[in-house]
């Protein structure tokens, strides 16, 4: 008997290694014995066609007999689920575009019939007229403003219009002079004395100078 090991890996059709497992030991293999070794290789990607490899590595020599590694290969077919989902979405979209009345040829024919209908054309004409009236009103507001700003420079008297009030203007009555407030001294009320007028200040006479001119 002798001990050996096995290697498992998977490559793509372009010979790129997709996944590789660590060595699996096979202990006590006897002469004439058949032993089955299974291995699971995860994360193989979305390749539809892959190549699986298995290599048996025995000792270099057994009872003075030299041994060499033995490799076997096998082509494996896989289901590329991502590619199948994309293909299914493409086929579903094409079927909707081809046979759905709203998106396909039948929908285009129906829309053309509705476009040439008299009622549809009348409704479209009414909408166009309403939009034209709105645009015309907006242009009129821009060219003829409602509020006119007051000019910076004063206008000539001839062009000025006199102001005419809508109602007659009644002059206000003059206010009566107020009586002087009394001054309270103790219990008796003494009216405040009016101020005496001040005498005007005398104007000085101009000074005269005599001398040789």
C-alpha atoms as a PDB file:
ATOM      1  CA  UNK A   1       0.000   0.000   0.000  1.00  0.00           C
ATOM      2  CA  UNK A   2       1.007   3.617  -0.505  1.00  0.00           C
ATOM      3  CA  UNK A   3      -0.387   7.099   0.084  1.00  0.00           C
ATOM      4  CA  UNK A   4      -1.152   9.592  -2.699  1.00  0.00           C
ATOM      5  CA  UNK A   5      -3.072  12.844  -3.310  1.00  0.00           C
ATOM      6  CA  UNK A   6      -5.450  14.239  -5.889  1.00  0.00           C
ATOM      7  CA  UNK A   7      -5.960  17.696  -7.423  1.00  0.00           C
ATOM      8  CA  UNK A   8      -9.216  18.978  -8.935  1.00  0.00           C
ATOM      9  CA  UNK A   9      -9.698  22.192 -10.952  1.00  0.00           C
ATOM     10  CA  UNK A  10     -11.919  23.595 -13.696  1.00  0.00           C
ATOM     11  CA  UNK A  11     -10.887  25.734 -16.674  1.00  0.00           C
ATOM     12  CA  UNK A  12     -12.847  27.741 -19.216  1.00  0.00           C
ATOM     13  CA  UNK A  13     -12.767  27.111 -22.987  1.00  0.00           C
ATOM     14  CA  UNK A  14      -9.999  29.754 -23.094  1.00  0.00           C
ATOM     15  CA  UNK A  15      -7.857  27.648 -20.700  1.00  0.00           C
ATOM     16  CA  UNK A  16      -8.315  30.105 -17.807  1.00  0.00           C
ATOM     17  CA  UNK A  17      -8.547  28.518 -14.358  1.00  0.00           C
ATOM     18  CA  UNK A  18     -11.982  29.167 -12.909  1.00  0.00           C
ATOM     19  CA  UNK A  19     -11.736  27.306  -9.586  1.00  0.00           C
ATOM     20  CA  UNK A  20      -9.085  25.097  -7.958  1.00  0.00           C
ATOM     21  CA  UNK A  21      -9.366  22.859  -4.868  1.00  0.00           C
ATOM     22  CA  UNK A  22      -6.671  22.007  -2.383  1.00  0.00           C
ATOM     23  CA  UNK A  23      -5.062  18.574  -2.548  1.00  0.00           C
ATOM     24  CA  UNK A  24      -7.157  15.679  -1.285  1.00  0.00           C
ATOM     25  CA  UNK A  25      -5.185  12.909   0.387  1.00  0.00           C
ATOM     26  CA  UNK A  26      -5.782   9.269  -0.520  1.00  0.00           C
ATOM     27  CA  UNK A  27      -4.228   7.107   2.230  1.00  0.00           C
ATOM     28  CA  UNK A  28      -3.499   3.363   2.183  1.00  0.00           C
ATOM     29  CA  UNK A  29      -4.268   2.574  -1.445  1.00  0.00           C
ATOM     30  CA  UNK A  30      -3.623  -1.174  -1.888  1.00  0.00           C
ATOM     31  CA  UNK A  31      -2.720  -3.138  -4.973  1.00  0.00           C
ATOM     32  CA  UNK A  32      -5.771  -3.966  -7.087  1.00  0.00           C
ATOM     33  CA  UNK A  33      -8.070  -1.728  -4.975  1.00  0.00           C
ATOM     34  CA  UNK A  34     -10.668   0.581  -6.565  1.00  0.00           C
ATOM     35  CA  UNK A  35     -11.565   3.717  -4.633  1.00  0.00           C
ATOM     36  CA  UNK A  36     -13.897   6.555  -5.707  1.00  0.00           C
ATOM     37  CA  UNK A  37     -13.056  10.144  -4.698  1.00  0.00           C
ATOM     38  CA  UNK A  38     -15.667  12.900  -5.160  1.00  0.00           C
ATOM     39  CA  UNK A  39     -15.097  16.667  -4.941  1.00  0.00           C
ATOM     40  CA  UNK A  40     -17.424  19.681  -5.253  1.00  0.00           C
ATOM     41  CA  UNK A  41     -16.142  22.788  -7.034  1.00  0.00           C
ATOM     42  CA  UNK A  42     -18.290  25.875  -6.255  1.00  0.00           C
ATOM     43  CA  UNK A  43     -18.467  29.298  -7.962  1.00  0.00           C
ATOM     44  CA  UNK A  44     -17.829  28.094 -11.487  1.00  0.00           C
ATOM     45  CA  UNK A  45     -19.350  31.261 -13.015  1.00  0.00           C
ATOM     46  CA  UNK A  46     -21.618  31.438 -16.059  1.00  0.00           C
ATOM     47  CA  UNK A  47     -19.640  29.523 -18.652  1.00  0.00           C
ATOM     48  CA  UNK A  48     -21.879  27.111 -20.629  1.00  0.00           C
ATOM     49  CA  UNK A  49     -18.920  24.849 -21.460  1.00  0.00           C
ATOM     50  CA  UNK A  50     -16.090  24.045 -19.027  1.00  0.00           C
ATOM     51  CA  UNK A  51     -13.288  21.488 -18.739  1.00  0.00           C
ATOM     52  CA  UNK A  52     -12.852  19.535 -15.483  1.00  0.00           C
ATOM     53  CA  UNK A  53      -9.375  18.211 -14.549  1.00  0.00           C
ATOM     54  CA  UNK A  54      -8.330  15.548 -12.017  1.00  0.00           C
ATOM     55  CA  UNK A  55      -4.714  14.580 -11.273  1.00  0.00           C
ATOM     56  CA  UNK A  56      -3.510  11.656  -9.137  1.00  0.00           C
ATOM     57  CA  UNK A  57      -0.080  12.197  -7.572  1.00  0.00           C
ATOM     58  CA  UNK A  58       1.451   8.931  -6.251  1.00  0.00           C
ATOM     59  CA  UNK A  59       4.855   8.660  -4.543  1.00  0.00           C
ATOM     60  CA  UNK A  60       7.918   9.059  -6.730  1.00  0.00           C
ATOM     61  CA  UNK A  61       8.776   5.325  -6.358  1.00  0.00           C
ATOM     62  CA  UNK A  62       7.163   2.214  -4.905  1.00  0.00           C
ATOM     63  CA  UNK A  63       9.385  -0.928  -4.443  1.00  0.00           C
ATOM     64  CA  UNK A  64      11.995   0.520  -6.786  1.00  0.00           C
ATOM     65  CA  UNK A  65       9.336   1.274  -9.417  1.00  0.00           C
ATOM     66  CA  UNK A  66       9.107   4.921 -10.518  1.00  0.00           C
ATOM     67  CA  UNK A  67       5.601   6.371 -10.674  1.00  0.00           C
ATOM     68  CA  UNK A  68       4.390   9.543 -12.455  1.00  0.00           C
ATOM     69  CA  UNK A  69       1.234  11.716 -11.925  1.00  0.00           C
ATOM     70  CA  UNK A  70      -1.817  10.711 -13.923  1.00  0.00           C
ATOM     71  CA  UNK A  71      -4.277  13.389 -15.250  1.00  0.00           C
ATOM     72  CA  UNK A  72      -7.739  12.977 -16.709  1.00  0.00           C
ATOM     73  CA  UNK A  73      -9.930  15.686 -18.331  1.00  0.00           C
ATOM     74  CA  UNK A  74     -13.638  15.862 -19.036  1.00  0.00           C
ATOM     75  CA  UNK A  75     -15.835  18.446 -20.841  1.00  0.00           C
ATOM     76  CA  UNK A  76     -18.699  19.612 -18.643  1.00  0.00           C
ATOM     77  CA  UNK A  77     -21.859  21.418 -19.739  1.00  0.00           C
ATOM     78  CA  UNK A  78     -23.449  23.933 -17.385  1.00  0.00           C
ATOM     79  CA  UNK A  79     -26.576  26.051 -17.440  1.00  0.00           C
ATOM     80  CA  UNK A  80     -25.616  29.768 -17.668  1.00  0.00           C
ATOM     81  CA  UNK A  81     -28.540  31.051 -15.622  1.00  0.00           C
ATOM     82  CA  UNK A  82     -27.657  34.731 -16.012  1.00  0.00           C
ATOM     83  CA  UNK A  83     -27.404  34.442 -19.788  1.00  0.00           C
ATOM     84  CA  UNK A  84     -30.671  32.491 -19.924  1.00  0.00           C
ATOM     85  CA  UNK A  85     -32.449  35.180 -17.894  1.00  0.00           C
ATOM     86  CA  UNK A  86     -31.162  37.914 -20.201  1.00  0.00           C
ATOM     87  CA  UNK A  87     -32.265  35.931 -23.251  1.00  0.00           C
ATOM     88  CA  UNK A  88     -35.726  35.407 -21.719  1.00  0.00           C
ATOM     89  CA  UNK A  89     -36.078  39.144 -21.068  1.00  0.00           C
ATOM     90  CA  UNK A  90     -35.049  39.936 -24.653  1.00  0.00           C
ATOM     91  CA  UNK A  91     -37.565  37.456 -26.067  1.00  0.00           C
ATOM     92  CA  UNK A  92     -40.337  38.811 -23.823  1.00  0.00           C
ATOM     93  CA  UNK A  93     -39.606  42.390 -24.901  1.00  0.00           C
ATOM     94  CA  UNK A  94     -39.609  41.420 -28.579  1.00  0.00           C
ATOM     95  CA  UNK A  95     -42.931  39.611 -28.195  1.00  0.00           C
ATOM     96  CA  UNK A  96     -44.462  42.636 -26.484  1.00  0.00           C
ATOM     97  CA  UNK A  97     -43.170  44.979 -29.186  1.00  0.00           C
ATOM     98  CA  UNK A  98     -44.349  42.668 -31.962  1.00  0.00           C
ATOM     99  CA  UNK A  99     -47.804  41.611 -30.775  1.00  0.00           C
ATOM    100  CA  UNK A 100     -48.950  44.126 -28.129  1.00  0.00           C
ATOM    101  CA  UNK A 101     -51.447  46.547 -29.756  1.00  0.00           C
ATOM    102  CA  UNK A 102     -50.075  49.587 -27.964  1.00  0.00           C
ATOM    103  CA  UNK A 103     -46.419  48.997 -28.957  1.00  0.00           C
ATOM    104  CA  UNK A 104     -46.488  46.874 -32.119  1.00  0.00           C
ATOM    105  CA  UNK A 105     -47.611  47.375 -35.676  1.00  0.00           C
ATOM    106  CA  UNK A 106     -51.283  47.089 -34.776  1.00  0.00           C
ATOM    107  CA  UNK A 107     -50.834  49.909 -32.290  1.00  0.00           C
ATOM    108  CA  UNK A 108     -49.217  52.138 -34.919  1.00  0.00           C
ATOM    109  CA  UNK A 109     -52.094  51.476 -37.340  1.00  0.00           C
ATOM    110  CA  UNK A 110     -54.659  52.243 -34.625  1.00  0.00           C
ATOM    111  CA  UNK A 111     -52.894  55.467 -33.686  1.00  0.00           C
ATOM    112  CA  UNK A 112     -52.796  56.499 -37.352  1.00  0.00           C
ATOM    113  CA  UNK A 113     -56.553  55.915 -37.645  1.00  0.00           C
ATOM    114  CA  UNK A 114     -57.212  57.958 -34.512  1.00  0.00           C
ATOM    115  CA  UNK A 115     -54.942  60.728 -35.795  1.00  0.00           C
ATOM    116  CA  UNK A 116     -56.933  61.026 -39.036  1.00  0.00           C
ATOM    117  CA  UNK A 117     -60.284  60.973 -37.216  1.00  0.00           C
ATOM    118  CA  UNK A 118     -62.413  64.142 -37.613  1.00  0.00           C
ATOM    119  CA  UNK A 119     -63.142  64.441 -33.894  1.00  0.00           C
ATOM    120  CA  UNK A 120     -59.463  64.101 -33.036  1.00  0.00           C
ATOM    121  CA  UNK A 121     -58.542  66.761 -35.572  1.00  0.00           C
ATOM    122  CA  UNK A 122     -61.257  69.116 -34.216  1.00  0.00           C
ATOM    123  CA  UNK A 123     -60.001  68.676 -30.662  1.00  0.00           C
ATOM    124  CA  UNK A 124     -56.435  69.313 -31.776  1.00  0.00           C
ATOM    125  CA  UNK A 125     -57.498  72.470 -33.654  1.00  0.00           C
ATOM    126  CA  UNK A 126     -59.305  73.784 -30.548  1.00  0.00           C
ATOM    127  CA  UNK A 127     -56.202  73.171 -28.429  1.00  0.00           C
ATOM    128  CA  UNK A 128     -54.002  74.966 -30.986  1.00  0.00           C
ATOM    129  CA  UNK A 129     -56.359  77.969 -31.057  1.00  0.00           C
ATOM    130  CA  UNK A 130     -56.405  78.202 -27.266  1.00  0.00           C
ATOM    131  CA  UNK A 131     -52.604  78.087 -27.119  1.00  0.00           C
ATOM    132  CA  UNK A 132     -52.392  80.770 -29.833  1.00  0.00           C
ATOM    133  CA  UNK A 133     -54.705  83.041 -27.830  1.00  0.00           C
ATOM    134  CA  UNK A 134     -52.545  82.569 -24.736  1.00  0.00           C
ATOM    135  CA  UNK A 135     -49.386  83.437 -26.682  1.00  0.00           C
ATOM    136  CA  UNK A 136     -51.066  86.527 -28.192  1.00  0.00           C
ATOM    137  CA  UNK A 137     -52.157  87.735 -24.747  1.00  0.00           C
ATOM    138  CA  UNK A 138     -48.637  87.282 -23.389  1.00  0.00           C
ATOM    139  CA  UNK A 139     -47.163  89.264 -26.304  1.00  0.00           C
ATOM    140  CA  UNK A 140     -49.719  92.037 -25.752  1.00  0.00           C
ATOM    141  CA  UNK A 141     -48.751  92.276 -22.083  1.00  0.00           C
ATOM    142  CA  UNK A 142     -45.103  92.637 -23.046  1.00  0.00           C
ATOM    143  CA  UNK A 143     -45.621  95.247 -25.805  1.00  0.00           C
ATOM    144  CA  UNK A 144     -48.403  97.222 -24.056  1.00  0.00           C
ATOM    145  CA  UNK A 145     -47.754  97.312 -20.318  1.00  0.00           C
ATOM    146  CA  UNK A 146     -50.641  98.187 -18.025  1.00  0.00           C
ATOM    147  CA  UNK A 147     -48.620 100.293 -15.564  1.00  0.00           C
ATOM    148  CA  UNK A 148     -46.663 103.271 -16.943  1.00  0.00           C
ATOM    149  CA  UNK A 149     -43.749 104.541 -14.883  1.00  0.00           C
ATOM    150  CA  UNK A 150     -43.581 108.238 -13.965  1.00  0.00           C
ATOM    151  CA  UNK A 151     -41.084 110.116 -16.194  1.00  0.00           C
ATOM    152  CA  UNK A 152     -37.838 111.246 -14.598  1.00  0.00           C
ATOM    153  CA  UNK A 153     -37.885 114.726 -16.177  1.00  0.00           C
ATOM    154  CA  UNK A 154     -40.721 117.223 -15.469  1.00  0.00           C
ATOM    155  CA  UNK A 155     -43.107 117.761 -18.330  1.00  0.00           C
ATOM    156  CA  UNK A 156     -43.866 121.108 -19.924  1.00  0.00           C
ATOM    157  CA  UNK A 157     -46.688 123.184 -18.367  1.00  0.00           C
ATOM    158  CA  UNK A 158     -48.721 122.967 -21.593  1.00  0.00           C
ATOM    159  CA  UNK A 159     -48.769 119.182 -21.500  1.00  0.00           C
ATOM    160  CA  UNK A 160     -49.633 118.940 -17.817  1.00  0.00           C
ATOM    161  CA  UNK A 161     -53.263 118.254 -16.985  1.00  0.00           C
ATOM    162  CA  UNK A 162     -54.680 120.140 -13.941  1.00  0.00           C
ATOM    163  CA  UNK A 163     -55.883 118.051 -11.065  1.00  0.00           C
ATOM    164  CA  UNK A 164     -59.650 118.091 -10.666  1.00  0.00           C
ATOM    165  CA  UNK A 165     -60.851 116.624  -7.375  1.00  0.00           C
ATOM    166  CA  UNK A 166     -63.944 114.467  -7.511  1.00  0.00           C
ATOM    167  CA  UNK A 167     -65.437 116.142  -4.369  1.00  0.00           C
ATOM    168  CA  UNK A 168     -65.410 119.853  -3.315  1.00  0.00           C
ATOM    169  CA  UNK A 169     -62.592 120.778  -0.986  1.00  0.00           C
ATOM    170  CA  UNK A 170     -63.866 122.283   2.278  1.00  0.00           C
ATOM    171  CA  UNK A 171     -61.310 124.435   4.136  1.00  0.00           C
ATOM    172  CA  UNK A 172     -60.609 123.514   7.718  1.00  0.00           C
ATOM    173  CA  UNK A 173     -61.831 125.788  10.512  1.00  0.00           C
ATOM    174  CA  UNK A 174     -59.080 127.652  12.360  1.00  0.00           C
ATOM    175  CA  UNK A 175     -58.428 126.448  15.852  1.00  0.00           C
ATOM    176  CA  UNK A 176     -59.344 128.737  18.776  1.00  0.00           C
ATOM    177  CA  UNK A 177     -56.413 129.958  20.909  1.00  0.00           C
ATOM    178  CA  UNK A 178     -55.872 127.931  24.015  1.00  0.00           C
ATOM    179  CA  UNK A 179     -56.262 129.602  27.437  1.00  0.00           C
ATOM    180  CA  UNK A 180     -53.162 129.707  29.623  1.00  0.00           C
ATOM    181  CA  UNK A 181     -52.940 126.925  32.154  1.00  0.00           C
ATOM    182  CA  UNK A 182     -53.336 128.096  35.810  1.00  0.00           C
ATOM    183  CA  UNK A 183     -50.467 127.708  38.241  1.00  0.00           C
ATOM    184  CA  UNK A 184     -51.312 125.964  41.482  1.00  0.00           C
ATOM    185  CA  UNK A 185     -49.780 127.458  44.648  1.00  0.00           C
ATOM    186  CA  UNK A 186     -50.981 125.765  47.772  1.00  0.00           C
ATOM    187  CA  UNK A 187     -54.747 125.663  47.916  1.00  0.00           C
ATOM    188  CA  UNK A 188     -55.434 128.792  45.812  1.00  0.00           C
ATOM    189  CA  UNK A 189     -55.346 128.670  42.043  1.00  0.00           C
ATOM    190  CA  UNK A 190     -53.423 131.601  40.562  1.00  0.00           C
ATOM    191  CA  UNK A 191     -53.596 132.146  36.821  1.00  0.00           C
ATOM    192  CA  UNK A 192     -50.275 132.332  35.038  1.00  0.00           C
ATOM    193  CA  UNK A 193     -49.187 135.884  34.235  1.00  0.00           C
ATOM    194  CA  UNK A 194     -48.557 136.658  30.582  1.00  0.00           C
ATOM    195  CA  UNK A 195     -45.021 137.611  29.631  1.00  0.00           C
ATOM    196  CA  UNK A 196     -44.291 141.315  29.114  1.00  0.00           C
ATOM    197  CA  UNK A 197     -43.062 142.262  25.661  1.00  0.00           C
ATOM    198  CA  UNK A 198     -39.336 142.798  25.417  1.00  0.00           C
ATOM    199  CA  UNK A 199     -38.006 146.247  24.515  1.00  0.00           C
ATOM    200  CA  UNK A 200     -36.139 146.426  21.232  1.00  0.00           C
ATOM    201  CA  UNK A 201     -32.386 146.655  21.470  1.00  0.00           C
ATOM    202  CA  UNK A 202     -30.917 150.131  20.567  1.00  0.00           C
ATOM    203  CA  UNK A 203     -29.070 150.245  17.255  1.00  0.00           C
ATOM    204  CA  UNK A 204     -25.524 151.656  17.641  1.00  0.00           C
ATOM    205  CA  UNK A 205     -24.723 154.761  15.559  1.00  0.00           C
ATOM    206  CA  UNK A 206     -22.065 154.352  12.883  1.00  0.00           C
ATOM    207  CA  UNK A 207     -18.622 155.597  13.880  1.00  0.00           C
ATOM    208  CA  UNK A 208     -16.983 158.372  11.878  1.00  0.00           C
ATOM    209  CA  UNK A 209     -13.275 158.898  11.285  1.00  0.00           C
ATOM    210  CA  UNK A 210     -11.536 162.073  10.306  1.00  0.00           C
ATOM    211  CA  UNK A 211      -8.188 162.198   8.621  1.00  0.00           C
ATOM    212  CA  UNK A 212      -6.254 162.826   5.448  1.00  0.00           C
ATOM    213  CA  UNK A 213      -7.550 160.975   2.468  1.00  0.00           C
END
